[in-house]
């Protein structure tokens, strides 16, 4: 069994924080069914898909690919 990559782990976390499920995000972004599960085994998204997902989730592309930590805003 393959180790999940940082991109998939962060994608899953952010989707859950938004109270959504993968299939819902896929539908809303016009992706094919199970398109996001392709990243489960370490595959990386294309640049376009990375930008689409980061904009949808309101996080930076660098965060999703593991180049940065998520900065929490102060109340």
Protein backbone atom coordinates (compact mmCIF):
# COMPACT_ATOMS: atom_id res chain seq x y z
CA UNK A 1 0.00 0.00 0.00
CA UNK A 2 1.31 3.46 -0.91
CA UNK A 3 1.97 6.23 1.57
CA UNK A 4 -0.38 9.19 1.18
CA UNK A 5 1.42 12.28 -0.05
CA UNK A 6 1.39 15.64 1.69
CA UNK A 7 -0.85 17.10 -1.02
CA UNK A 8 -3.57 14.49 -0.45
CA UNK A 9 -3.37 14.80 3.34
CA UNK A 10 -3.73 18.57 3.22
CA UNK A 11 -6.44 18.41 0.57
CA UNK A 12 -8.45 15.96 2.66
CA UNK A 13 -7.98 18.07 5.81
CA UNK A 14 -9.11 21.28 4.12
CA UNK A 15 -12.13 19.61 2.51
CA UNK A 16 -13.17 18.23 5.89
CA UNK A 17 -12.68 21.63 7.55
CA UNK A 18 -15.08 23.09 4.99
CA UNK A 19 -17.65 20.45 5.98
CA UNK A 20 -17.62 18.88 2.53
CA UNK A 21 -16.82 15.51 1.00
CA UNK A 22 -14.66 14.71 -2.01
CA UNK A 23 -17.59 13.92 -4.31
CA UNK A 24 -19.25 17.24 -3.49
CA UNK A 25 -16.07 19.18 -4.29
CA UNK A 26 -15.63 17.23 -7.54
CA UNK A 27 -19.18 18.09 -8.61
CA UNK A 28 -18.84 21.76 -7.68
CA UNK A 29 -15.58 22.10 -9.62
CA UNK A 30 -16.77 20.04 -12.61
CA UNK A 31 -14.25 17.22 -12.10
CA UNK A 32 -14.96 13.61 -12.93
CA UNK A 33 -16.07 11.30 -10.15
CA UNK A 34 -13.16 10.11 -7.96
CA UNK A 35 -10.78 12.58 -9.63
CA UNK A 36 -9.51 13.75 -6.24
CA UNK A 37 -8.92 10.21 -5.01
CA UNK A 38 -6.26 9.85 -7.72
CA UNK A 39 -4.00 11.91 -5.45
CA UNK A 40 -4.30 9.40 -2.61
CA UNK A 41 -1.24 7.44 -3.72
CA UNK A 42 1.13 10.36 -4.16
CA UNK A 43 0.17 11.65 -7.61
CA UNK A 44 0.54 15.42 -7.92
CA UNK A 45 -2.08 17.68 -9.51
CA UNK A 46 -1.49 19.72 -12.64
CA UNK A 47 -0.72 23.39 -12.09
CA UNK A 48 -4.20 24.40 -13.21
CA UNK A 49 -5.92 21.95 -10.89
CA UNK A 50 -3.67 23.00 -8.00
CA UNK A 51 -4.70 26.63 -8.49
CA UNK A 52 -8.41 25.72 -8.83
CA UNK A 53 -8.34 23.69 -5.63
CA UNK A 54 -6.37 26.28 -3.67
CA UNK A 55 -8.80 29.03 -4.70
CA UNK A 56 -11.80 26.84 -3.87
CA UNK A 57 -10.38 25.94 -0.44
CA UNK A 58 -9.02 29.48 0.16
CA UNK A 59 -5.48 28.31 0.90
CA UNK A 60 -2.25 28.88 -1.01
CA UNK A 61 -1.01 26.41 -3.60
CA UNK A 62 2.30 26.32 -1.68
CA UNK A 63 0.44 25.14 1.43
CA UNK A 64 -1.33 22.32 -0.44
CA UNK A 65 1.93 20.95 -1.86
CA UNK A 66 3.75 21.17 1.47
CA UNK A 67 6.01 24.15 0.83
CA UNK A 68 4.41 26.29 3.54
CA UNK A 69 2.49 25.93 6.75
CA UNK A 70 -1.01 27.34 7.04
CA UNK A 71 -1.03 30.70 8.77
CA UNK A 72 -3.91 31.13 11.18
CA UNK A 73 -5.50 34.57 11.28
CA UNK A 74 -5.77 36.28 14.65
CA UNK A 75 -9.25 36.94 16.05
